[in-house]
């Protein structure tokens, strides 16, 4: 029995980690599109910055973190539904 529980926990962790990774990738893509399409002049501001890598990281970080949190939360939904009953 403990082996089955350990396998279930590893599956659950893998599922949540995969969901968080998908959210991270989605957030990075969203930030990249924001800069590439120059929405609200974000791309221009990043390009004209004295340190464009730092400026791009400053734009990218919140999108990636929020994407990871959203992905993990969405990944946990089936697990939370299982324990509500």
PDB file of N, CA and C in Angstrom:
ATOM      1  N   UNK A   1       0.794  -1.205   0.000  1.00  0.00           N
ATOM      2  CA  UNK A   1       0.000   0.000   0.000  1.00  0.00           C
ATOM      3  C   UNK A   1       0.843   1.279   0.000  1.00  0.00           C
ATOM      4  N   UNK A   2       1.892   1.389   0.800  1.00  0.00           N
ATOM      5  CA  UNK A   2       2.672   2.629   0.784  1.00  0.00           C
ATOM      6  C   UNK A   2       3.309   2.908  -0.572  1.00  0.00           C
ATOM      7  N   UNK A   3       3.671   1.827  -1.314  1.00  0.00           N
ATOM      8  CA  UNK A   3       4.260   2.037  -2.632  1.00  0.00           C
ATOM      9  C   UNK A   3       3.252   2.663  -3.582  1.00  0.00           C
ATOM     10  N   UNK A   4       1.999   2.229  -3.494  1.00  0.00           N
ATOM     11  CA  UNK A   4       0.953   2.787  -4.358  1.00  0.00           C
ATOM     12  C   UNK A   4       0.714   4.254  -4.024  1.00  0.00           C
ATOM     13  N   UNK A   5       0.738   4.582  -2.756  1.00  0.00           N
ATOM     14  CA  UNK A   5       0.556   5.985  -2.355  1.00  0.00           C
ATOM     15  C   UNK A   5       1.714   6.835  -2.853  1.00  0.00           C
ATOM     16  N   UNK A   6       2.926   6.303  -2.779  1.00  0.00           N
ATOM     17  CA  UNK A   6       4.092   7.032  -3.271  1.00  0.00           C
ATOM     18  C   UNK A   6       4.019   7.275  -4.773  1.00  0.00           C
ATOM     19  N   UNK A   7       3.547   6.254  -5.521  1.00  0.00           N
ATOM     20  CA  UNK A   7       3.378   6.417  -6.959  1.00  0.00           C
ATOM     21  C   UNK A   7       2.333   7.474  -7.277  1.00  0.00           C
ATOM     22  N   UNK A   8       1.247   7.463  -6.510  1.00  0.00           N
ATOM     23  CA  UNK A   8       0.180   8.441  -6.718  1.00  0.00           C
ATOM     24  C   UNK A   8       0.680   9.851  -6.439  1.00  0.00           C
ATOM     25  N   UNK A   9       1.486  10.010  -5.409  1.00  0.00           N
ATOM     26  CA  UNK A   9       2.025  11.331  -5.077  1.00  0.00           C
ATOM     27  C   UNK A   9       2.996  11.810  -6.147  1.00  0.00           C
ATOM     28  N   UNK A  10       3.799  10.905  -6.672  1.00  0.00           N
ATOM     29  CA  UNK A  10       4.723  11.284  -7.739  1.00  0.00           C
ATOM     30  C   UNK A  10       3.967  11.672  -9.001  1.00  0.00           C
ATOM     31  N   UNK A  11       2.896  10.947  -9.314  1.00  0.00           N
ATOM     32  CA  UNK A  11       2.062  11.302 -10.474  1.00  0.00           C
ATOM     33  C   UNK A  11       1.437  12.678 -10.281  1.00  0.00           C
ATOM     34  N   UNK A  12       0.948  12.928  -9.074  1.00  0.00           N
ATOM     35  CA  UNK A  12       0.317  14.209  -8.787  1.00  0.00           C
ATOM     36  C   UNK A  12       1.341  15.339  -8.896  1.00  0.00           C
ATOM     37  N   UNK A  13       2.516  15.153  -8.342  1.00  0.00           N
ATOM     38  CA  UNK A  13       3.565  16.165  -8.406  1.00  0.00           C
ATOM     39  C   UNK A  13       4.002  16.406  -9.844  1.00  0.00           C
ATOM     40  N   UNK A  14       4.141  15.335 -10.621  1.00  0.00           N
ATOM     41  CA  UNK A  14       4.512  15.475 -12.026  1.00  0.00           C
ATOM     42  C   UNK A  14       3.442  16.247 -12.796  1.00  0.00           C
ATOM     43  N   UNK A  15       2.186  15.970 -12.501  1.00  0.00           N
ATOM     44  CA  UNK A  15       1.081  16.663 -13.167  1.00  0.00           C
ATOM     45  C   UNK A  15       1.084  18.153 -12.839  1.00  0.00           C
ATOM     46  N   UNK A  16       1.259  18.495 -11.576  1.00  0.00           N
ATOM     47  CA  UNK A  16       1.273  19.906 -11.169  1.00  0.00           C
ATOM     48  C   UNK A  16       2.506  20.609 -11.740  1.00  0.00           C
ATOM     49  N   UNK A  17       3.649  19.945 -11.733  1.00  0.00           N
ATOM     50  CA  UNK A  17       4.870  20.543 -12.287  1.00  0.00           C
ATOM     51  C   UNK A  17       4.739  20.773 -13.791  1.00  0.00           C
ATOM     52  N   UNK A  18       4.120  19.830 -14.490  1.00  0.00           N
ATOM     53  CA  UNK A  18       3.903  19.994 -15.922  1.00  0.00           C
ATOM     54  C   UNK A  18       2.962  21.164 -16.193  1.00  0.00           C
ATOM     55  N   UNK A  19       1.922  21.286 -15.386  1.00  0.00           N
ATOM     56  CA  UNK A  19       0.987  22.403 -15.544  1.00  0.00           C
ATOM     57  C   UNK A  19       1.675  23.732 -15.259  1.00  0.00           C
ATOM     58  N   UNK A  20       2.512  23.775 -14.237  1.00  0.00           N
ATOM     59  CA  UNK A  20       3.245  25.002 -13.919  1.00  0.00           C
ATOM     60  C   UNK A  20       4.224  25.355 -15.041  1.00  0.00           C
ATOM     61  N   UNK A  21       4.865  24.361 -15.623  1.00  0.00           N
ATOM     62  CA  UNK A  21       5.772  24.605 -16.741  1.00  0.00           C
ATOM     63  C   UNK A  21       5.013  25.138 -17.953  1.00  0.00           C
ATOM     64  N   UNK A  22       3.848  24.576 -18.222  1.00  0.00           N
ATOM     65  CA  UNK A  22       3.034  25.068 -19.332  1.00  0.00           C
ATOM     66  C   UNK A  22       2.622  26.523 -19.097  1.00  0.00           C
ATOM     67  N   UNK A  23       2.261  26.853 -17.856  1.00  0.00           N
ATOM     68  CA  UNK A  23       1.922  28.241 -17.533  1.00  0.00           C
ATOM     69  C   UNK A  23       3.109  29.171 -17.668  1.00  0.00           C
ATOM     70  N   UNK A  24       4.279  28.691 -17.295  1.00  0.00           N
ATOM     71  CA  UNK A  24       5.501  29.485 -17.432  1.00  0.00           C
ATOM     72  C   UNK A  24       5.783  29.780 -18.900  1.00  0.00           C
ATOM     73  N   UNK A  25       5.650  28.775 -19.733  1.00  0.00           N
ATOM     74  CA  UNK A  25       5.878  28.957 -21.170  1.00  0.00           C
ATOM     75  C   UNK A  25       4.839  29.904 -21.757  1.00  0.00           C
ATOM     76  N   UNK A  26       3.586  29.758 -21.340  1.00  0.00           N
ATOM     77  CA  UNK A  26       2.533  30.655 -21.835  1.00  0.00           C
ATOM     78  C   UNK A  26       2.804  32.096 -21.420  1.00  0.00           C
ATOM     79  N   UNK A  27       3.255  32.301 -20.190  1.00  0.00           N
ATOM     80  CA  UNK A  27       3.588  33.648 -19.728  1.00  0.00           C
ATOM     81  C   UNK A  27       4.750  34.243 -20.490  1.00  0.00           C
ATOM     82  N   UNK A  28       5.761  33.436 -20.770  1.00  0.00           N
ATOM     83  CA  UNK A  28       6.911  33.920 -21.541  1.00  0.00           C
ATOM     84  C   UNK A  28       6.507  34.278 -22.960  1.00  0.00           C
ATOM     85  N   UNK A  29       5.641  33.472 -23.550  1.00  0.00           N
ATOM     86  CA  UNK A  29       5.162  33.771 -24.898  1.00  0.00           C
ATOM     87  C   UNK A  29       4.342  35.054 -24.894  1.00  0.00           C
ATOM     88  N   UNK A  30       3.483  35.223 -23.900  1.00  0.00           N
ATOM     89  CA  UNK A  30       2.661  36.435 -23.817  1.00  0.00           C
ATOM     90  C   UNK A  30       3.537  37.681 -23.681  1.00  0.00           C
ATOM     91  N   UNK A  31       4.559  37.621 -22.834  1.00  0.00           N
ATOM     92  CA  UNK A  31       5.458  38.769 -22.682  1.00  0.00           C
ATOM     93  C   UNK A  31       6.237  39.019 -23.970  1.00  0.00           C
ATOM     94  N   UNK A  32       6.660  37.967 -24.638  1.00  0.00           N
ATOM     95  CA  UNK A  32       7.377  38.122 -25.904  1.00  0.00           C
ATOM     96  C   UNK A  32       6.510  38.754 -26.976  1.00  0.00           C
ATOM     97  N   UNK A  33       5.255  38.321 -27.052  1.00  0.00           N
ATOM     98  CA  UNK A  33       4.329  38.904 -28.021  1.00  0.00           C
ATOM     99  C   UNK A  33       4.078  40.368 -27.686  1.00  0.00           C
ATOM    100  N   UNK A  34       3.949  40.671 -26.409  1.00  0.00           N
ATOM    101  CA  UNK A  34       3.746  42.053 -25.978  1.00  0.00           C
ATOM    102  C   UNK A  34       4.887  42.938 -26.440  1.00  0.00           C
ATOM    103  N   UNK A  35       6.108  42.446 -26.315  1.00  0.00           N
ATOM    104  CA  UNK A  35       7.267  43.229 -26.737  1.00  0.00           C
ATOM    105  C   UNK A  35       7.418  43.250 -28.261  1.00  0.00           C
ATOM    106  N   UNK A  36       7.156  42.121 -28.911  1.00  0.00           N
ATOM    107  CA  UNK A  36       7.319  42.051 -30.367  1.00  0.00           C
ATOM    108  C   UNK A  36       6.299  42.920 -31.107  1.00  0.00           C
ATOM    109  N   UNK A  37       5.058  42.919 -30.632  1.00  0.00           N
ATOM    110  CA  UNK A  37       4.021  43.724 -31.273  1.00  0.00           C
ATOM    111  C   UNK A  37       4.044  45.175 -30.799  1.00  0.00           C
ATOM    112  N   UNK A  38       4.899  45.457 -29.851  1.00  0.00           N
ATOM    113  CA  UNK A  38       5.082  46.808 -29.325  1.00  0.00           C
ATOM    114  C   UNK A  38       3.779  47.384 -28.774  1.00  0.00           C
ATOM    115  N   UNK A  39       3.056  46.562 -28.054  1.00  0.00           N
ATOM    116  CA  UNK A  39       1.814  47.004 -27.425  1.00  0.00           C
ATOM    117  C   UNK A  39       2.169  47.941 -26.288  1.00  0.00           C
ATOM    118  N   UNK A  40       1.511  49.100 -26.276  1.00  0.00           N
ATOM    119  CA  UNK A  40       1.759  50.155 -25.281  1.00  0.00           C
ATOM    120  C   UNK A  40       3.221  50.605 -25.294  1.00  0.00           C
ATOM    121  N   UNK A  41       3.870  50.473 -26.416  1.00  0.00           N
ATOM    122  CA  UNK A  41       5.274  50.889 -26.612  1.00  0.00           C
ATOM    123  C   UNK A  41       6.249  50.163 -25.682  1.00  0.00           C
ATOM    124  N   UNK A  42       5.874  48.983 -25.218  1.00  0.00           N
ATOM    125  CA  UNK A  42       6.754  48.208 -24.328  1.00  0.00           C
ATOM    126  C   UNK A  42       8.022  47.799 -25.076  1.00  0.00           C
ATOM    127  N   UNK A  43       7.872  47.323 -26.306  1.00  0.00           N
ATOM    128  CA  UNK A  43       9.039  46.904 -27.084  1.00  0.00           C
ATOM    129  C   UNK A  43      10.004  48.044 -27.353  1.00  0.00           C
ATOM    130  N   UNK A  44       9.460  49.221 -27.640  1.00  0.00           N
ATOM    131  CA  UNK A  44      10.302  50.393 -27.874  1.00  0.00           C
ATOM    132  C   UNK A  44      11.044  50.784 -26.606  1.00  0.00           C
ATOM    133  N   UNK A  45      10.340  50.759 -25.489  1.00  0.00           N
ATOM    134  CA  UNK A  45      10.979  51.110 -24.221  1.00  0.00           C
ATOM    135  C   UNK A  45      12.101  50.132 -23.877  1.00  0.00           C
ATOM    136  N   UNK A  46      11.867  48.860 -24.117  1.00  0.00           N
ATOM    137  CA  UNK A  46      12.898  47.852 -23.838  1.00  0.00           C
ATOM    138  C   UNK A  46      14.084  48.049 -24.775  1.00  0.00           C
ATOM    139  N   UNK A  47      13.816  48.275 -26.058  1.00  0.00           N
ATOM    140  CA  UNK A  47      14.893  48.425 -27.032  1.00  0.00           C
ATOM    141  C   UNK A  47      15.738  49.666 -26.784  1.00  0.00           C
ATOM    142  N   UNK A  48      15.125  50.749 -26.340  1.00  0.00           N
ATOM    143  CA  UNK A  48      15.851  52.005 -26.114  1.00  0.00           C
ATOM    144  C   UNK A  48      16.474  52.101 -24.725  1.00  0.00           C
ATOM    145  N   UNK A  49      16.264  51.105 -23.914  1.00  0.00           N
ATOM    146  CA  UNK A  49      16.818  51.110 -22.558  1.00  0.00           C
ATOM    147  C   UNK A  49      18.345  51.022 -22.605  1.00  0.00           C
ATOM    148  N   UNK A  50      18.986  51.530 -21.558  1.00  0.00           N
ATOM    149  CA  UNK A  50      20.448  51.423 -21.490  1.00  0.00           C
ATOM    150  C   UNK A  50      20.887  49.980 -21.254  1.00  0.00           C
ATOM    151  N   UNK A  51      20.022  49.185 -20.628  1.00  0.00           N
ATOM    152  CA  UNK A  51      20.294  47.770 -20.411  1.00  0.00           C
ATOM    153  C   UNK A  51      19.062  46.974 -20.865  1.00  0.00           C
ATOM    154  N   UNK A  52      18.978  46.645 -22.157  1.00  0.00           N
ATOM    155  CA  UNK A  52      17.773  45.994 -22.673  1.00  0.00           C
ATOM    156  C   UNK A  52      17.501  44.620 -22.070  1.00  0.00           C
ATOM    157  N   UNK A  53      18.533  43.888 -21.694  1.00  0.00           N
ATOM    158  CA  UNK A  53      18.306  42.567 -21.088  1.00  0.00           C
ATOM    159  C   UNK A  53      17.622  42.688 -19.736  1.00  0.00           C
ATOM    160  N   UNK A  54      18.044  43.651 -18.948  1.00  0.00           N
ATOM    161  CA  UNK A  54      17.410  43.870 -17.652  1.00  0.00           C
ATOM    162  C   UNK A  54      15.972  44.353 -17.833  1.00  0.00           C
ATOM    163  N   UNK A  55      15.753  45.235 -18.790  1.00  0.00           N
ATOM    164  CA  UNK A  55      14.402  45.718 -19.062  1.00  0.00           C
ATOM    165  C   UNK A  55      13.495  44.580 -19.531  1.00  0.00           C
ATOM    166  N   UNK A  56      14.004  43.723 -20.405  1.00  0.00           N
ATOM    167  CA  UNK A  56      13.218  42.582 -20.881  1.00  0.00           C
ATOM    168  C   UNK A  56      12.923  41.609 -19.743  1.00  0.00           C
ATOM    169  N   UNK A  57      13.897  41.394 -18.874  1.00  0.00           N
ATOM    170  CA  UNK A  57      13.677  40.512 -17.720  1.00  0.00           C
ATOM    171  C   UNK A  57      12.643  41.100 -16.772  1.00  0.00           C
ATOM    172  N   UNK A  58      12.643  42.427 -16.652  1.00  0.00           N
ATOM    173  CA  UNK A  58      11.668  43.084 -15.785  1.00  0.00           C
ATOM    174  C   UNK A  58      10.251  42.929 -16.337  1.00  0.00           C
ATOM    175  N   UNK A  59      10.107  42.925 -17.639  1.00  0.00           N
ATOM    176  CA  UNK A  59       8.796  42.705 -18.248  1.00  0.00           C
ATOM    177  C   UNK A  59       8.433  41.222 -18.187  1.00  0.00           C
ATOM    178  N   UNK A  60       9.402  40.365 -18.413  1.00  0.00           N
ATOM    179  CA  UNK A  60       9.165  38.929 -18.503  1.00  0.00           C
ATOM    180  C   UNK A  60       8.840  38.283 -17.153  1.00  0.00           C
ATOM    181  N   UNK A  61       9.504  38.698 -16.097  1.00  0.00           N
ATOM    182  CA  UNK A  61       9.376  38.033 -14.791  1.00  0.00           C
ATOM    183  C   UNK A  61       7.940  37.961 -14.267  1.00  0.00           C
ATOM    184  N   UNK A  62       7.176  39.045 -14.239  1.00  0.00           N
ATOM    185  CA  UNK A  62       5.807  38.924 -13.714  1.00  0.00           C
ATOM    186  C   UNK A  62       4.924  37.996 -14.547  1.00  0.00           C
ATOM    187  N   UNK A  63       5.095  38.033 -15.868  1.00  0.00           N
ATOM    188  CA  UNK A  63       4.297  37.156 -16.721  1.00  0.00           C
ATOM    189  C   UNK A  63       4.622  35.694 -16.450  1.00  0.00           C
ATOM    190  N   UNK A  64       5.903  35.390 -16.302  1.00  0.00           N
ATOM    191  CA  UNK A  64       6.323  34.011 -16.054  1.00  0.00           C
ATOM    192  C   UNK A  64       5.835  33.533 -14.679  1.00  0.00           C
ATOM    193  N   UNK A  65       5.977  34.364 -13.674  1.00  0.00           N
ATOM    194  CA  UNK A  65       5.552  33.960 -12.328  1.00  0.00           C
ATOM    195  C   UNK A  65       4.045  33.773 -12.243  1.00  0.00           C
ATOM    196  N   UNK A  66       3.288  34.686 -12.818  1.00  0.00           N
ATOM    197  CA  UNK A  66       1.830  34.554 -12.795  1.00  0.00           C
ATOM    198  C   UNK A  66       1.397  33.351 -13.626  1.00  0.00           C
ATOM    199  N   UNK A  67       2.068  33.114 -14.748  1.00  0.00           N
ATOM    200  CA  UNK A  67       1.755  31.943 -15.561  1.00  0.00           C
ATOM    201  C   UNK A  67       2.022  30.648 -14.820  1.00  0.00           C
ATOM    202  N   UNK A  68       3.126  30.594 -14.091  1.00  0.00           N
ATOM    203  CA  UNK A  68       3.445  29.385 -13.315  1.00  0.00           C
ATOM    204  C   UNK A  68       2.418  29.167 -12.210  1.00  0.00           C
ATOM    205  N   UNK A  69       2.029  30.230 -11.526  1.00  0.00           N
ATOM    206  CA  UNK A  69       1.034  30.104 -10.458  1.00  0.00           C
ATOM    207  C   UNK A  69      -0.315  29.674 -11.014  1.00  0.00           C
ATOM    208  N   UNK A  70      -0.711  30.262 -12.137  1.00  0.00           N
ATOM    209  CA  UNK A  70      -1.984  29.887 -12.750  1.00  0.00           C
ATOM    210  C   UNK A  70      -1.942  28.450 -13.246  1.00  0.00           C
ATOM    211  N   UNK A  71      -0.843  28.048 -13.850  1.00  0.00           N
ATOM    212  CA  UNK A  71      -0.719  26.673 -14.324  1.00  0.00           C
ATOM    213  C   UNK A  71      -0.783  25.662 -13.184  1.00  0.00           C
ATOM    214  N   UNK A  72      -0.117  25.967 -12.082  1.00  0.00           N
ATOM    215  CA  UNK A  72      -0.158  25.064 -10.929  1.00  0.00           C
ATOM    216  C   UNK A  72      -1.563  24.998 -10.338  1.00  0.00           C
ATOM    217  N   UNK A  73      -2.234  26.141 -10.267  1.00  0.00           N
ATOM    218  CA  UNK A  73      -3.591  26.153  -9.725  1.00  0.00           C
ATOM    219  C   UNK A  73      -4.542  25.355 -10.612  1.00  0.00           C
ATOM    220  N   UNK A  74      -4.409  25.507 -11.912  1.00  0.00           N
ATOM    221  CA  UNK A  74      -5.256  24.749 -12.831  1.00  0.00           C
ATOM    222  C   UNK A  74      -4.915  23.266 -12.751  1.00  0.00           C
ATOM    223  N   UNK A  75      -3.644  22.948 -12.584  1.00  0.00           N
ATOM    224  CA  UNK A  75      -3.245  21.552 -12.440  1.00  0.00           C
ATOM    225  C   UNK A  75      -3.767  20.912 -11.170  1.00  0.00           C
ATOM    226  N   UNK A  76      -3.985  21.707 -10.135  1.00  0.00           N
ATOM    227  CA  UNK A  76      -4.495  21.179  -8.868  1.00  0.00           C
ATOM    228  C   UNK A  76      -6.012  20.991  -8.850  1.00  0.00           C
ATOM    229  N   UNK A  77      -6.732  21.550  -9.823  1.00  0.00           N
ATOM    230  CA  UNK A  77      -8.193  21.466  -9.808  1.00  0.00           C
ATOM    231  C   UNK A  77      -8.728  20.037  -9.735  1.00  0.00           C
ATOM    232  N   UNK A  78      -8.246  19.098 -10.555  1.00  0.00           N
ATOM    233  CA  UNK A  78      -8.790  17.736 -10.434  1.00  0.00           C
ATOM    234  C   UNK A  78      -8.498  17.104  -9.074  1.00  0.00           C
ATOM    235  N   UNK A  79      -7.378  17.435  -8.505  1.00  0.00           N
ATOM    236  CA  UNK A  79      -7.012  16.868  -7.207  1.00  0.00           C
ATOM    237  C   UNK A  79      -7.901  17.446  -6.115  1.00  0.00           C
ATOM    238  N   UNK A  80      -8.170  18.737  -6.185  1.00  0.00           N
ATOM    239  CA  UNK A  80      -9.035  19.371  -5.196  1.00  0.00           C
ATOM    240  C   UNK A  80     -10.469  18.842  -5.304  1.00  0.00           C
ATOM    241  N   UNK A  81     -10.937  18.606  -6.515  1.00  0.00           N
ATOM    242  CA  UNK A  81     -12.274  18.046  -6.687  1.00  0.00           C
ATOM    243  C   UNK A  81     -12.367  16.649  -6.097  1.00  0.00           C
ATOM    244  N   UNK A  82     -11.293  15.898  -6.199  1.00  0.00           N
ATOM    245  CA  UNK A  82     -11.283  14.526  -5.675  1.00  0.00           C
ATOM    246  C   UNK A  82     -11.460  14.522  -4.165  1.00  0.00           C
ATOM    247  N   UNK A  83     -10.851  15.493  -3.463  1.00  0.00           N
ATOM    248  CA  UNK A  83     -10.903  15.501  -2.017  1.00  0.00           C
ATOM    249  C   UNK A  83     -12.095  16.249  -1.452  1.00  0.00           C
ATOM    250  N   UNK A  84     -12.871  16.941  -2.276  1.00  0.00           N
ATOM    251  CA  UNK A  84     -14.059  17.637  -1.789  1.00  0.00           C
ATOM    252  C   UNK A  84     -15.203  16.697  -1.501  1.00  0.00           C
ATOM    253  N   UNK A  85     -15.240  15.589  -2.169  1.00  0.00           N
ATOM    254  CA  UNK A  85     -16.378  14.670  -2.027  1.00  0.00           C
ATOM    255  C   UNK A  85     -16.297  13.851  -0.799  1.00  0.00           C
TER     256      UNK A  85
END
